[in-house]
C-alpha atoms as a PDB file:
ATOM      1  CA  MET A   1       4.955 -18.985  -0.538  1.00  0.00           C
ATOM      2  CA  SER A   2       3.099 -20.075  -3.494  1.00  0.00           C
ATOM      3  CA  LYS A   3       1.813 -18.303  -6.578  1.00  0.00           C
ATOM      4  CA  SER A   4      -1.670 -18.203  -7.942  1.00  0.00           C
ATOM      5  CA  THR A   5      -3.060 -19.726 -10.307  1.00  0.00           C
ATOM      6  CA  ASP A   6      -3.455 -16.530 -12.728  1.00  0.00           C
ATOM      7  CA  GLY A   7      -7.140 -15.192 -12.576  1.00  0.00           C
ATOM      8  CA  GLN A   8      -7.252 -17.301  -9.101  1.00  0.00           C
ATOM      9  CA  ILE A   9      -7.433 -14.512  -5.943  1.00  0.00           C
ATOM     10  CA  SER A  10      -6.248 -15.201  -3.358  1.00  0.00           C
ATOM     11  CA  HIS A  11      -5.882 -13.410  -0.230  1.00  0.00           C
ATOM     12  CA  ARG A  12      -2.270 -12.683   1.964  1.00  0.00           C
ATOM     13  CA  ASP A  13      -1.400 -11.566   4.543  1.00  0.00           C
ATOM     14  CA  LYS A  14       2.007  -8.570   5.336  1.00  0.00           C
ATOM     15  CA  GLU A  15       4.451 -11.055   5.051  1.00  0.00           C
ATOM     16  CA  GLY A  16       2.397 -13.030   2.239  1.00  0.00           C
ATOM     17  CA  ARG A  17       1.106 -16.634   3.641  1.00  0.00           C
ATOM     18  CA  PRO A  18      -2.408 -16.933   3.124  1.00  0.00           C
ATOM     19  CA  LEU A  19      -5.620 -16.007   4.178  1.00  0.00           C
ATOM     20  CA  ASP A  20      -9.162 -17.589   3.352  1.00  0.00           C
ATOM     21  CA  LEU A  21     -11.533 -14.384   3.030  1.00  0.00           C
ATOM     22  CA  MET A  22     -12.918 -14.316   6.569  1.00  0.00           C
ATOM     23  CA  ALA A  23      -8.972 -13.850   8.172  1.00  0.00           C
ATOM     24  CA  TRP A  24      -8.381 -11.145   5.066  1.00  0.00           C
ATOM     25  CA  THR A  25     -11.678  -9.049   5.634  1.00  0.00           C
ATOM     26  CA  ARG A  26     -10.797  -8.901   9.715  1.00  0.00           C
ATOM     27  CA  LEU A  27      -7.222  -8.153   9.089  1.00  0.00           C
ATOM     28  CA  HIS A  28      -8.849  -5.275   5.819  1.00  0.00           C
ATOM     29  CA  LYS A  29     -10.832  -3.448   8.455  1.00  0.00           C
ATOM     30  CA  ASP A  30      -8.327  -2.679  10.379  1.00  0.00           C
ATOM     31  CA  LEU A  31      -6.327   0.396   9.435  1.00  0.00           C
ATOM     32  CA  GLU A  32      -3.732   0.732  12.094  1.00  0.00           C
ATOM     33  CA  TYR A  33      -2.353  -3.215  10.426  1.00  0.00           C
ATOM     34  CA  ARG A  34      -2.986  -1.950   6.625  1.00  0.00           C
ATOM     35  CA  VAL A  35      -0.581   1.434   7.315  1.00  0.00           C
ATOM     36  CA  ILE A  36       2.644   1.193   6.950  1.00  0.00           C
ATOM     37  CA  ALA A  37       4.341   4.339   6.040  1.00  0.00           C
ATOM     38  CA  GLU A  38       2.205   7.357   6.017  1.00  0.00           C
ATOM     39  CA  ASP A  39       3.775  11.714   5.503  1.00  0.00           C
ATOM     40  CA  GLU A  40       2.053  14.640   4.805  1.00  0.00           C
ATOM     41  CA  VAL A  41       4.052  16.822   2.406  1.00  0.00           C
ATOM     42  CA  ALA A  42       3.339  20.017   1.623  1.00  0.00           C
ATOM     43  CA  GLY A  43      -0.593  19.687   3.109  1.00  0.00           C
ATOM     44  CA  HIS A  44      -1.015  16.642   1.294  1.00  0.00           C
ATOM     45  CA  LEU A  45      -0.824  13.368   2.960  1.00  0.00           C
ATOM     46  CA  VAL A  46       0.762  10.318   1.641  1.00  0.00           C
ATOM     47  CA  ARG A  47       0.039   7.046   2.880  1.00  0.00           C
ATOM     48  CA  THR A  48       0.664   3.039   1.413  1.00  0.00           C
ATOM     49  CA  VAL A  49      -1.355   0.968   2.841  1.00  0.00           C
ATOM     50  CA  TRP A  50      -1.178  -3.042   2.748  1.00  0.00           C
ATOM     51  CA  GLU A  51      -4.465  -4.519   0.481  1.00  0.00           C
ATOM     52  CA  GLY A  52      -3.560  -7.915   0.887  1.00  0.00           C
ATOM     53  CA  ILE A  53      -4.757  -9.221  -2.767  1.00  0.00           C
ATOM     54  CA  ASP A  54      -2.953 -11.689  -6.051  1.00  0.00           C
ATOM     55  CA  ASP A  55      -4.665 -12.049  -8.696  1.00  0.00           C
ATOM     56  CA  GLY A  56      -1.584 -14.096 -11.028  1.00  0.00           C
ATOM     57  CA  VAL A  57      -2.335 -11.407 -13.225  1.00  0.00           C
ATOM     58  CA  GLN A  58      -1.529  -7.515 -11.680  1.00  0.00           C
ATOM     59  CA  VAL A  59      -5.146  -6.112 -11.834  1.00  0.00           C
ATOM     60  CA  ALA A  60      -5.983  -6.812  -7.571  1.00  0.00           C
ATOM     61  CA  CYS A  61      -2.068  -5.994  -5.787  1.00  0.00           C
ATOM     62  CA  MET A  62      -0.900  -5.891  -2.062  1.00  0.00           C
ATOM     63  CA  TRP A  63       0.130  -2.967  -1.668  1.00  0.00           C
ATOM     64  CA  ALA A  64      -1.087   0.869  -2.663  1.00  0.00           C
ATOM     65  CA  ASN A  65       0.712   4.343  -2.228  1.00  0.00           C
ATOM     66  CA  GLY A  66      -1.645   7.932  -2.572  1.00  0.00           C
ATOM     67  CA  ILE A  67      -1.637  10.825  -2.054  1.00  0.00           C
ATOM     68  CA  SER A  68      -4.885  12.254  -0.310  1.00  0.00           C
ATOM     69  CA  SER A  69      -5.470  16.527  -0.079  1.00  0.00           C
ATOM     70  CA  ASP A  70      -8.131  15.852   1.849  1.00  0.00           C
ATOM     71  CA  GLY A  71      -6.669  13.313   4.442  1.00  0.00           C
ATOM     72  CA  LYS A  72     -10.158  10.882   3.099  1.00  0.00           C
ATOM     73  CA  THR A  73     -10.082  10.737  -1.113  1.00  0.00           C
ATOM     74  CA  PHE A  74      -6.502   9.295  -2.223  1.00  0.00           C
ATOM     75  CA  ARG A  75      -4.886   8.821  -5.575  1.00  0.00           C
ATOM     76  CA  THR A  76      -3.107   5.856  -6.139  1.00  0.00           C
ATOM     77  CA  VAL A  77       0.052   6.538  -7.405  1.00  0.00           C
ATOM     78  CA  TRP A  78       1.895   3.448  -7.172  1.00  0.00           C
ATOM     79  CA  GLU A  79       0.542  -1.185  -6.416  1.00  0.00           C
ATOM     80  CA  GLY A  80       2.931  -3.495  -5.798  1.00  0.00           C
ATOM     81  CA  TYR A  81       1.272  -6.704  -6.906  1.00  0.00           C
ATOM     82  CA  TRP A  82       2.104 -10.441  -5.284  1.00  0.00           C
ATOM     83  CA  PRO A  83       5.523 -11.294  -4.874  1.00  0.00           C
ATOM     84  CA  CYS A  84       6.046  -7.613  -3.577  1.00  0.00           C
ATOM     85  CA  THR A  85       7.388  -7.307  -0.054  1.00  0.00           C
ATOM     86  CA  GLN A  86       6.447  -4.607   2.508  1.00  0.00           C
ATOM     87  CA  ASP A  87      10.052  -3.406   2.267  1.00  0.00           C
ATOM     88  CA  GLU A  88      10.102  -2.922  -1.689  1.00  0.00           C
ATOM     89  CA  ALA A  89       6.211  -0.813  -0.668  1.00  0.00           C
ATOM     90  CA  LYS A  90       7.984   0.948   1.992  1.00  0.00           C
ATOM     91  CA  ALA A  91      10.910   1.544  -0.731  1.00  0.00           C
ATOM     92  CA  ALA A  92       7.937   3.501  -3.312  1.00  0.00           C
ATOM     93  CA  HIS A  93       6.825   5.221  -0.237  1.00  0.00           C
ATOM     94  CA  ARG A  94       9.918   7.517   0.471  1.00  0.00           C
ATOM     95  CA  GLU A  95      10.308   7.756  -3.640  1.00  0.00           C
ATOM     96  CA  THR A  96       7.098   8.697  -3.786  1.00  0.00           C
ATOM     97  CA  VAL A  97       7.462  11.134  -0.386  1.00  0.00           C
ATOM     98  CA  ALA A  98      10.610  12.070  -2.103  1.00  0.00           C
ATOM     99  CA  THR A  99       9.355  12.748  -5.894  1.00  0.00           C
ATOM    100  CA  LEU A 100       6.184  15.497  -4.118  1.00  0.00           C
ATOM    101  CA  ARG A 101       8.756  17.093  -2.100  1.00  0.00           C
ATOM    102  CA  ALA A 102      10.447  17.576  -5.242  1.00  0.00           C
ATOM    103  CA  LYS A 103       7.973  19.224  -6.702  1.00  0.00           C
ATOM    104  CA  ARG A 104       6.277  20.467  -3.861  1.00  0.00           C
ATOM    105  CA  PRO A 105       9.184  21.905  -1.443  1.00  0.00           C
ATOM    106  CA  ALA A 106       7.539  22.346   1.590  1.00  0.00           C
ATOM    107  CA  ASP A 107       8.400  21.221   5.405  1.00  0.00           C
ATOM    108  CA  ALA A 108       7.215  18.061   6.181  1.00  0.00           C
ATOM    109  CA  THR A 109       6.156  15.982   8.783  1.00  0.00           C
ATOM    110  CA  ARG A 110       7.415  11.940   9.343  1.00  0.00           C
ATOM    111  CA  ARG A 111       3.916  10.662  10.512  1.00  0.00           C
ATOM    112  CA  GLY A 112       4.683   6.572  10.229  1.00  0.00           C
END
């Protein structure tokens, strides 16, 4: 897998394979494809998603996780830049969930 030139945007699937813009757009619209982990903790939704963007300067991200209290608006708490893997994104998700559980000890339900 090649790394993009600094500042030059490329699009990648979950495994890091390059995508053309149209293929990336189709996948990016598919929430089922994008969401790799989701948990509810004390009334907050923690979701980690594939973003699939590599710009070589760590501004655009491959993965992101965030927390939402309404299920619609997410506050980003972690981003994984290329060459971050899906396994690393899932590990960051587990860490975010653990941190939130420690701050809000309540019943938590795993959703994904």
